[in-house]
Amino acid sequence: MIYPSIDKLLNLVQSKYKLVHLVSKRSAQIQETKQFQKSEKKYTSEKNIGRALEEIAEGLIHIK
């Protein structure tokens, strides 16, 4: 089971292609800056891609 679910994420982002683009940009940003939206211990995922997905699912990343 993938967390967060793709259904929940697609309710926030209308296109799966846009979602992939957002996650890849945020993941690269995390890799470069090591800055997170919440405490590192509060993430379910250990990888930056999973952390970016969690941030989008929780509404910590605002989508224009």
Protein backbone atom coordinates (compact mmCIF):
# COMPACT_ATOMS: atom_id res chain seq x y z
CA MET A 1 0.00 0.00 0.00
CA ILE A 2 1.34 3.38 -1.00
CA TYR A 3 1.07 6.26 1.44
CA PRO A 4 -0.45 8.69 0.69
CA SER A 5 -2.93 7.14 -1.72
CA ILE A 6 -2.99 8.29 -5.32
CA ASP A 7 -6.74 8.96 -5.04
CA LYS A 8 -6.22 11.46 -2.25
CA LEU A 9 -3.42 13.17 -4.15
CA LEU A 10 -5.44 13.41 -7.37
CA ASN A 11 -8.20 15.20 -5.46
CA LEU A 12 -5.64 17.92 -4.71
CA VAL A 13 -3.87 17.95 -8.08
CA GLN A 14 -6.04 17.55 -11.16
CA SER A 15 -3.46 15.80 -13.35
CA LYS A 16 -1.16 12.91 -12.53
CA TYR A 17 1.44 14.49 -14.83
CA LYS A 18 1.33 17.72 -12.83
CA LEU A 19 1.61 15.67 -9.65
CA VAL A 20 4.76 13.94 -10.93
CA HIS A 21 6.24 17.29 -11.91
CA LEU A 22 5.49 18.82 -8.50
CA VAL A 23 6.86 15.85 -6.59
CA SER A 24 10.06 15.72 -8.62
CA LYS A 25 10.69 19.46 -8.14
CA ARG A 26 9.99 19.29 -4.40
CA SER A 27 12.11 16.17 -3.98
CA ALA A 28 15.05 17.86 -5.71
CA GLN A 29 14.54 20.93 -3.54
CA ILE A 30 14.62 18.81 -0.39
CA GLN A 31 17.80 17.11 -1.62
CA GLU A 32 19.55 20.43 -2.27
CA THR A 33 18.46 22.46 0.74
CA LYS A 34 17.70 19.80 3.39
CA GLN A 35 14.73 21.95 4.47
CA PHE A 36 11.50 20.19 5.36
CA GLN A 37 7.95 21.45 5.94
CA LYS A 38 7.69 19.49 9.18
CA SER A 39 10.00 17.67 11.57
CA GLU A 40 11.96 14.82 9.97
CA LYS A 41 10.68 12.38 12.58
CA LYS A 42 7.05 13.04 11.64
CA TYR A 43 7.41 11.73 8.08
CA THR A 44 6.26 8.20 7.31
CA SER A 45 8.65 7.87 4.38
CA GLU A 46 12.41 7.96 4.61
CA LYS A 47 12.96 9.00 0.99
CA ASN A 48 12.57 12.51 -0.38
CA ILE A 49 9.99 11.51 -2.99
CA GLY A 50 7.75 10.02 -0.32
CA ARG A 51 8.24 13.06 1.87
CA ALA A 52 7.25 15.35 -1.02
CA LEU A 53 4.10 13.26 -1.56
CA GLU A 54 3.26 13.50 2.14
CA GLU A 55 3.70 17.28 2.08
CA ILE A 56 1.32 17.61 -0.87
CA ALA A 57 -1.24 15.29 0.74
CA GLU A 58 -1.20 17.29 3.98
CA GLY A 59 -1.57 20.60 2.18
CA LEU A 60 1.85 21.89 3.15
CA ILE A 61 2.67 22.56 -0.51
CA HIS A 62 0.40 25.11 -2.14
CA ILE A 63 -0.45 24.39 -5.76
CA LYS A 64 -1.13 27.28 -8.13
